[in-house]
Amino acid sequence: MMLSSLFFRTSLSVLIVSVLIMSMFALGCNQGDERLEEKAKIEGKAQAQAELQAQIDNLEKKVEIAKAEGRAQAEAEISADNTNRAAKAQQMEADLATRHLFYQALKGTYEGALATERGEFRVRITLIPSLPPATYARSRQLEEITSDLNNLYFHAQILEWNPTNRLSAVGCRVENIRPNINKGEIAIASSTCPNLYKLRIVDPEAEHSVTTEENPTPKDSEVSNATAIAIREGKITELSEIRGEKHPTTNASIYTFSVKRSLTR
């Protein structure tokens, strides 16, 4: 009986110890799993943060690249625009210079005879450019050149009188006369002038250049065109003659005349 009781107590002690060991083992395992899980969470969070940071860094790089490309494109567009504007300004300056050659060659006073049914009259035409030619030490803006092109024209005065009585003169003044620098033609028509005048420029050498055996008497239009070319090329700096037609408002007659440079410029 005593042995049985001792065996029972011993078995019970062993069982308790086993249970305690198993509990401790289970607890250790659970704690280990928890630690592993916590470690995995920490590592996962760190990896996620690292991936997020990498994405942010990559996005920032793309933004910087985009900004740099945008600046480069903007600078390229500005440079191209400046180049185009400079080329256009140079072309416009050349056009303006050619026009000044024409206006300076024509400016002055011309005088000659005008035959009508009522007898022979004198006619005087004076052409004055609105702007003088000018040189600049800098490259000008397109707006400045455009302003000169728009504001370059002739002021004209036309007088007619009976040569026996200079006090009988009648005439008119007209502004904004823009000649055709290619054809060498000038039309003077205004409400302030009772007559229409069609003028063509003439130079003896230019007339000779278009006079041939096949064409011994070239048309005034051919002569004025050749004269205009010579002026634009700088071969003629002072026009010598203008031929024209007078179209009165009071009758259907057309009177032709020729006026030559008469006064010093």
Protein backbone atom coordinates (compact mmCIF):
# COMPACT_ATOMS: atom_id res chain seq x y z
CA MET A 1 0.00 0.00 0.00
CA MET A 2 2.75 2.32 0.84
CA LEU A 3 4.52 1.37 -2.36
CA SER A 4 1.41 2.04 -4.37
CA SER A 5 0.99 5.41 -2.78
CA LEU A 6 4.62 6.24 -3.40
CA PHE A 7 4.33 5.14 -7.04
CA PHE A 8 1.22 7.26 -7.47
CA ARG A 9 2.88 10.34 -6.08
CA THR A 10 5.95 9.75 -8.19
CA SER A 11 3.85 9.31 -11.34
CA LEU A 12 1.87 12.39 -10.50
CA SER A 13 5.07 14.39 -10.03
CA VAL A 14 6.40 13.13 -13.33
CA LEU A 15 3.14 14.04 -15.03
CA ILE A 16 3.18 17.52 -13.54
CA VAL A 17 6.77 18.02 -14.55
CA SER A 18 5.96 16.78 -18.07
CA VAL A 19 3.02 19.12 -18.29
CA LEU A 20 5.16 22.00 -17.11
CA ILE A 21 7.86 21.10 -19.61
CA MET A 22 5.33 20.85 -22.41
CA SER A 23 3.78 24.16 -21.39
CA MET A 24 7.15 25.82 -21.29
CA PHE A 25 8.06 24.30 -24.63
CA ALA A 26 4.78 25.44 -26.13
CA LEU A 27 5.22 28.86 -24.63
CA GLY A 28 8.74 29.04 -26.00
CA CYS A 29 7.53 27.96 -29.41
CA ASN A 30 4.75 30.53 -29.34
CA GLN A 31 7.15 33.25 -28.29
CA GLY A 32 9.55 32.18 -31.00
CA ASP A 33 6.80 32.30 -33.59
CA GLU A 34 5.75 35.69 -32.35
CA ARG A 35 9.30 36.94 -32.54
CA LEU A 36 9.67 35.54 -36.05
CA GLU A 37 6.39 37.10 -37.04
CA GLU A 38 7.37 40.42 -35.51
CA LYS A 39 10.74 40.23 -37.24
CA ALA A 40 9.03 39.47 -40.52
CA LYS A 41 6.72 42.42 -40.03
CA ILE A 42 9.66 44.72 -39.29
CA GLU A 43 11.60 43.43 -42.28
CA GLY A 44 8.51 43.70 -44.46
CA LYS A 45 7.88 47.25 -43.31
CA ALA A 46 11.52 48.17 -43.92
CA GLN A 47 11.37 46.61 -47.38
CA ALA A 48 8.13 48.42 -48.11
CA GLN A 49 9.63 51.70 -46.97
CA ALA A 50 12.73 51.05 -49.04
CA GLU A 51 10.59 50.29 -52.10
CA LEU A 52 8.48 53.38 -51.47
CA GLN A 53 11.59 55.51 -51.09
CA ALA A 54 12.99 54.05 -54.29
CA GLN A 55 9.76 54.90 -56.08
CA ILE A 56 9.87 58.42 -54.68
CA ASP A 57 13.51 58.83 -55.71
CA ASN A 58 12.72 57.49 -59.18
CA LEU A 59 9.76 59.86 -59.50
CA GLU A 60 11.87 62.81 -58.39
CA LYS A 61 14.49 61.88 -60.97
CA LYS A 62 11.83 61.71 -63.66
CA VAL A 63 10.47 65.09 -62.56
CA GLU A 64 13.96 66.62 -62.69
CA ILE A 65 14.59 65.06 -66.11
CA ALA A 66 11.24 66.38 -67.32
CA LYS A 67 12.07 69.84 -65.98
CA ALA A 68 15.48 69.77 -67.62
CA GLU A 69 13.99 68.62 -70.92
CA GLY A 70 11.29 71.27 -70.64
CA ARG A 71 13.87 73.97 -70.02
CA ALA A 72 15.99 72.70 -72.89
CA GLN A 73 12.97 72.64 -75.22
CA ALA A 74 11.90 76.11 -74.10
CA GLU A 75 15.42 77.45 -74.60
CA ALA A 76 15.60 75.79 -78.03
CA GLU A 77 12.25 77.33 -79.01
CA ILE A 78 13.36 80.76 -77.78
CA SER A 79 16.65 80.43 -79.66
CA ALA A 80 14.86 79.35 -82.84
CA ASP A 81 12.37 82.22 -82.49
CA ASN A 82 15.19 84.71 -81.97
CA THR A 83 17.00 83.31 -85.02
CA ASN A 84 13.85 83.58 -87.14
CA ARG A 85 13.15 87.10 -85.94
CA ALA A 86 16.74 88.14 -86.63
CA ALA A 87 16.57 86.67 -90.14
CA LYS A 88 13.23 88.36 -90.79
CA ALA A 89 14.54 91.66 -89.41
CA GLN A 90 17.56 91.45 -91.69
CA GLN A 91 15.31 90.77 -94.68
CA MET A 92 13.03 93.67 -93.79
CA GLU A 93 15.99 96.01 -93.30
CA ALA A 94 17.24 95.06 -96.77
CA ASP A 95 13.78 95.77 -98.22
CA LEU A 96 13.67 99.12 -96.43
CA ALA A 97 17.14 100.01 -97.70
CA THR A 98 16.05 99.23 -101.27
CA ARG A 99 12.99 101.42 -100.87
CA HIS A 100 15.13 104.26 -99.53
CA LEU A 101 17.33 103.98 -102.64
CA PHE A 102 14.23 104.42 -104.78
CA TYR A 103 12.81 107.32 -102.78
CA GLN A 104 16.14 109.15 -102.60
CA ALA A 105 16.71 108.75 -106.35
CA LEU A 106 13.29 110.24 -107.13
CA LYS A 107 13.10 113.02 -104.57
CA GLY A 108 13.29 116.51 -106.02
CA THR A 109 11.48 118.87 -108.38
CA TYR A 110 10.70 118.19 -112.03
CA GLU A 111 9.39 120.67 -114.58
CA GLY A 112 8.22 120.54 -118.19
CA ALA A 113 5.61 121.40 -120.78
CA LEU A 114 1.98 120.27 -120.91
CA ALA A 115 0.18 120.75 -124.23
CA THR A 116 -3.62 121.13 -124.20
CA GLU A 117 -6.35 122.37 -126.52
CA ARG A 118 -6.11 125.73 -124.78
CA GLY A 119 -2.41 126.04 -125.39
CA GLU A 120 0.82 124.99 -123.75
CA PHE A 121 1.15 125.09 -120.01
CA ARG A 122 3.97 124.43 -117.60
CA VAL A 123 3.78 121.68 -115.02
CA ARG A 124 5.93 121.15 -111.96
CA ILE A 125 6.01 118.04 -109.78
CA THR A 126 7.83 117.94 -106.46
CA LEU A 127 8.38 114.67 -104.57
CA ILE A 128 9.53 114.63 -100.95
CA PRO A 129 10.09 111.40 -98.98
CA SER A 130 8.41 111.22 -95.58
CA LEU A 131 11.47 109.60 -93.95
CA PRO A 132 15.20 110.01 -94.54
CA PRO A 133 17.45 106.94 -94.71
CA ALA A 134 19.24 106.22 -91.44
CA THR A 135 21.92 103.87 -90.16
CA TYR A 136 21.83 102.24 -86.75
CA ALA A 137 24.59 100.89 -84.55
CA ARG A 138 22.32 98.13 -83.25
CA SER A 139 19.98 95.50 -84.55
CA ARG A 140 16.49 96.93 -84.58
CA GLN A 141 13.29 95.24 -83.48
CA LEU A 142 10.79 94.06 -86.07
CA GLU A 143 8.29 96.62 -84.82
CA GLU A 144 10.71 99.48 -85.51
CA ILE A 145 11.42 98.31 -89.06
CA THR A 146 7.74 97.70 -89.73
CA SER A 147 6.98 101.23 -88.57
CA ASP A 148 9.49 102.67 -91.05
CA LEU A 149 8.10 100.54 -93.88
CA ASN A 150 4.57 101.66 -93.11
CA ASN A 151 5.50 105.32 -92.76
CA LEU A 152 7.71 105.68 -95.82
CA TYR A 153 5.90 107.43 -98.64
CA PHE A 154 6.01 110.56 -100.81
CA HIS A 155 4.55 113.98 -100.21
CA ALA A 156 3.80 115.44 -103.62
CA GLN A 157 2.96 118.87 -104.97
CA ILE A 158 1.72 119.42 -108.51
CA LEU A 159 1.49 122.89 -110.05
CA GLU A 160 0.28 123.98 -113.49
CA TRP A 161 0.40 127.51 -114.89
CA ASN A 162 0.33 129.56 -118.03
CA PRO A 163 3.94 130.48 -118.85
CA THR A 164 2.84 134.04 -119.67
CA ASN A 165 1.41 134.48 -116.19
CA ARG A 166 3.06 132.64 -113.30
CA LEU A 167 0.38 133.95 -110.95
CA SER A 168 -2.16 131.78 -112.75
CA ALA A 169 -0.79 128.62 -111.17
CA VAL A 170 -3.19 126.02 -109.82
CA GLY A 171 -2.24 122.84 -108.07
CA CYS A 172 -2.59 120.50 -105.14
CA ARG A 173 -0.64 118.67 -102.48
CA VAL A 174 -1.02 114.96 -101.79
CA GLU A 175 0.40 112.72 -99.07
CA ASN A 176 0.80 108.96 -98.66
CA ILE A 177 1.91 108.35 -102.23
CA ARG A 178 3.53 104.93 -102.49
CA PRO A 179 5.25 104.25 -105.80
CA ASN A 180 5.58 100.82 -107.35
CA ILE A 181 9.32 100.32 -106.95
CA ASN A 182 9.29 97.27 -109.21
CA LYS A 183 7.55 98.83 -112.21
CA GLY A 184 8.74 102.38 -111.61
CA GLU A 185 5.23 103.79 -111.62
CA ILE A 186 3.51 106.41 -109.47
CA ALA A 187 -0.20 107.15 -109.33
CA ILE A 188 -1.35 110.42 -107.80
CA ALA A 189 -5.04 110.38 -107.02
CA SER A 190 -6.69 112.24 -104.20
CA SER A 191 -9.83 114.12 -103.34
CA THR A 192 -7.63 117.19 -102.92
CA CYS A 193 -6.52 116.96 -106.56
CA PRO A 194 -9.06 117.50 -109.36
CA ASN A 195 -6.96 115.43 -111.78
CA LEU A 196 -5.45 111.96 -111.89
CA TYR A 197 -1.75 111.70 -112.71
CA LYS A 198 -0.06 108.52 -113.89
CA LEU A 199 3.71 108.83 -113.82
CA ARG A 200 6.59 106.63 -115.04
CA ILE A 201 10.25 107.13 -114.24
CA VAL A 202 12.76 107.45 -117.10
CA ASP A 203 16.54 107.32 -117.32
CA PRO A 204 18.38 107.75 -120.67
CA GLU A 205 20.76 104.84 -120.03
CA ALA A 206 17.94 102.55 -118.93
CA GLU A 207 15.97 103.57 -122.02
CA HIS A 208 18.97 102.83 -124.19
CA SER A 209 19.36 99.39 -122.59
CA VAL A 210 15.88 98.33 -123.77
CA THR A 211 16.15 99.96 -127.18
CA THR A 212 17.03 97.46 -129.90
CA GLU A 213 16.71 97.12 -133.66
CA GLU A 214 13.67 94.95 -133.12
CA ASN A 215 12.30 97.41 -130.58
CA PRO A 216 13.51 100.90 -131.61
CA THR A 217 10.85 102.73 -129.59
CA PRO A 218 10.29 100.83 -126.36
CA LYS A 219 7.15 101.42 -124.39
CA ASP A 220 7.26 103.78 -121.43
CA SER A 221 6.39 100.81 -119.20
CA GLU A 222 9.49 98.96 -120.43
CA VAL A 223 11.66 102.00 -119.84
CA SER A 224 10.27 102.64 -116.35
CA ASN A 225 10.76 98.98 -115.40
CA ALA A 226 14.39 99.05 -116.57
CA THR A 227 14.93 102.34 -114.73
CA ALA A 228 13.46 100.92 -111.52
CA ILE A 229 15.79 97.91 -111.72
CA ALA A 230 18.82 100.16 -112.18
CA ILE A 231 17.80 102.27 -109.17
CA ARG A 232 17.29 99.22 -106.94
CA GLU A 233 20.70 97.93 -107.97
CA GLY A 234 22.27 101.27 -107.05
CA LYS A 235 23.28 102.11 -110.64
CA ILE A 236 21.13 105.26 -110.68
CA THR A 237 21.19 107.59 -107.68
CA GLU A 238 19.35 110.53 -109.22
CA LEU A 239 16.40 110.28 -111.58
CA SER A 240 16.50 112.64 -114.54
CA GLU A 241 13.01 112.45 -116.03
CA ILE A 242 9.39 111.55 -115.37
CA ARG A 243 6.85 110.93 -118.11
CA GLY A 244 3.20 111.08 -117.29
CA GLU A 245 -0.41 111.28 -118.22
CA LYS A 246 -2.91 113.80 -116.90
CA HIS A 247 -6.50 112.58 -116.67
CA PRO A 248 -8.77 115.58 -116.00
CA THR A 249 -11.98 115.23 -114.08
CA THR A 250 -13.81 117.84 -116.20
CA ASN A 251 -13.34 116.21 -119.61
CA ALA A 252 -12.39 112.87 -121.21
CA SER A 253 -9.08 114.04 -122.70
CA ILE A 254 -5.76 112.50 -121.68
CA TYR A 255 -2.71 114.75 -121.84
CA THR A 256 0.81 113.39 -121.97
CA PHE A 257 3.80 115.32 -120.68
CA SER A 258 7.41 114.98 -119.71
CA VAL A 259 9.10 116.73 -116.78
CA LYS A 260 12.83 116.80 -116.09
CA ARG A 261 14.76 117.48 -112.93
CA SER A 262 15.03 121.24 -112.71
CA LEU A 263 16.25 122.25 -109.27
CA THR A 264 19.11 121.14 -107.06
CA ARG A 265 18.13 118.68 -104.39
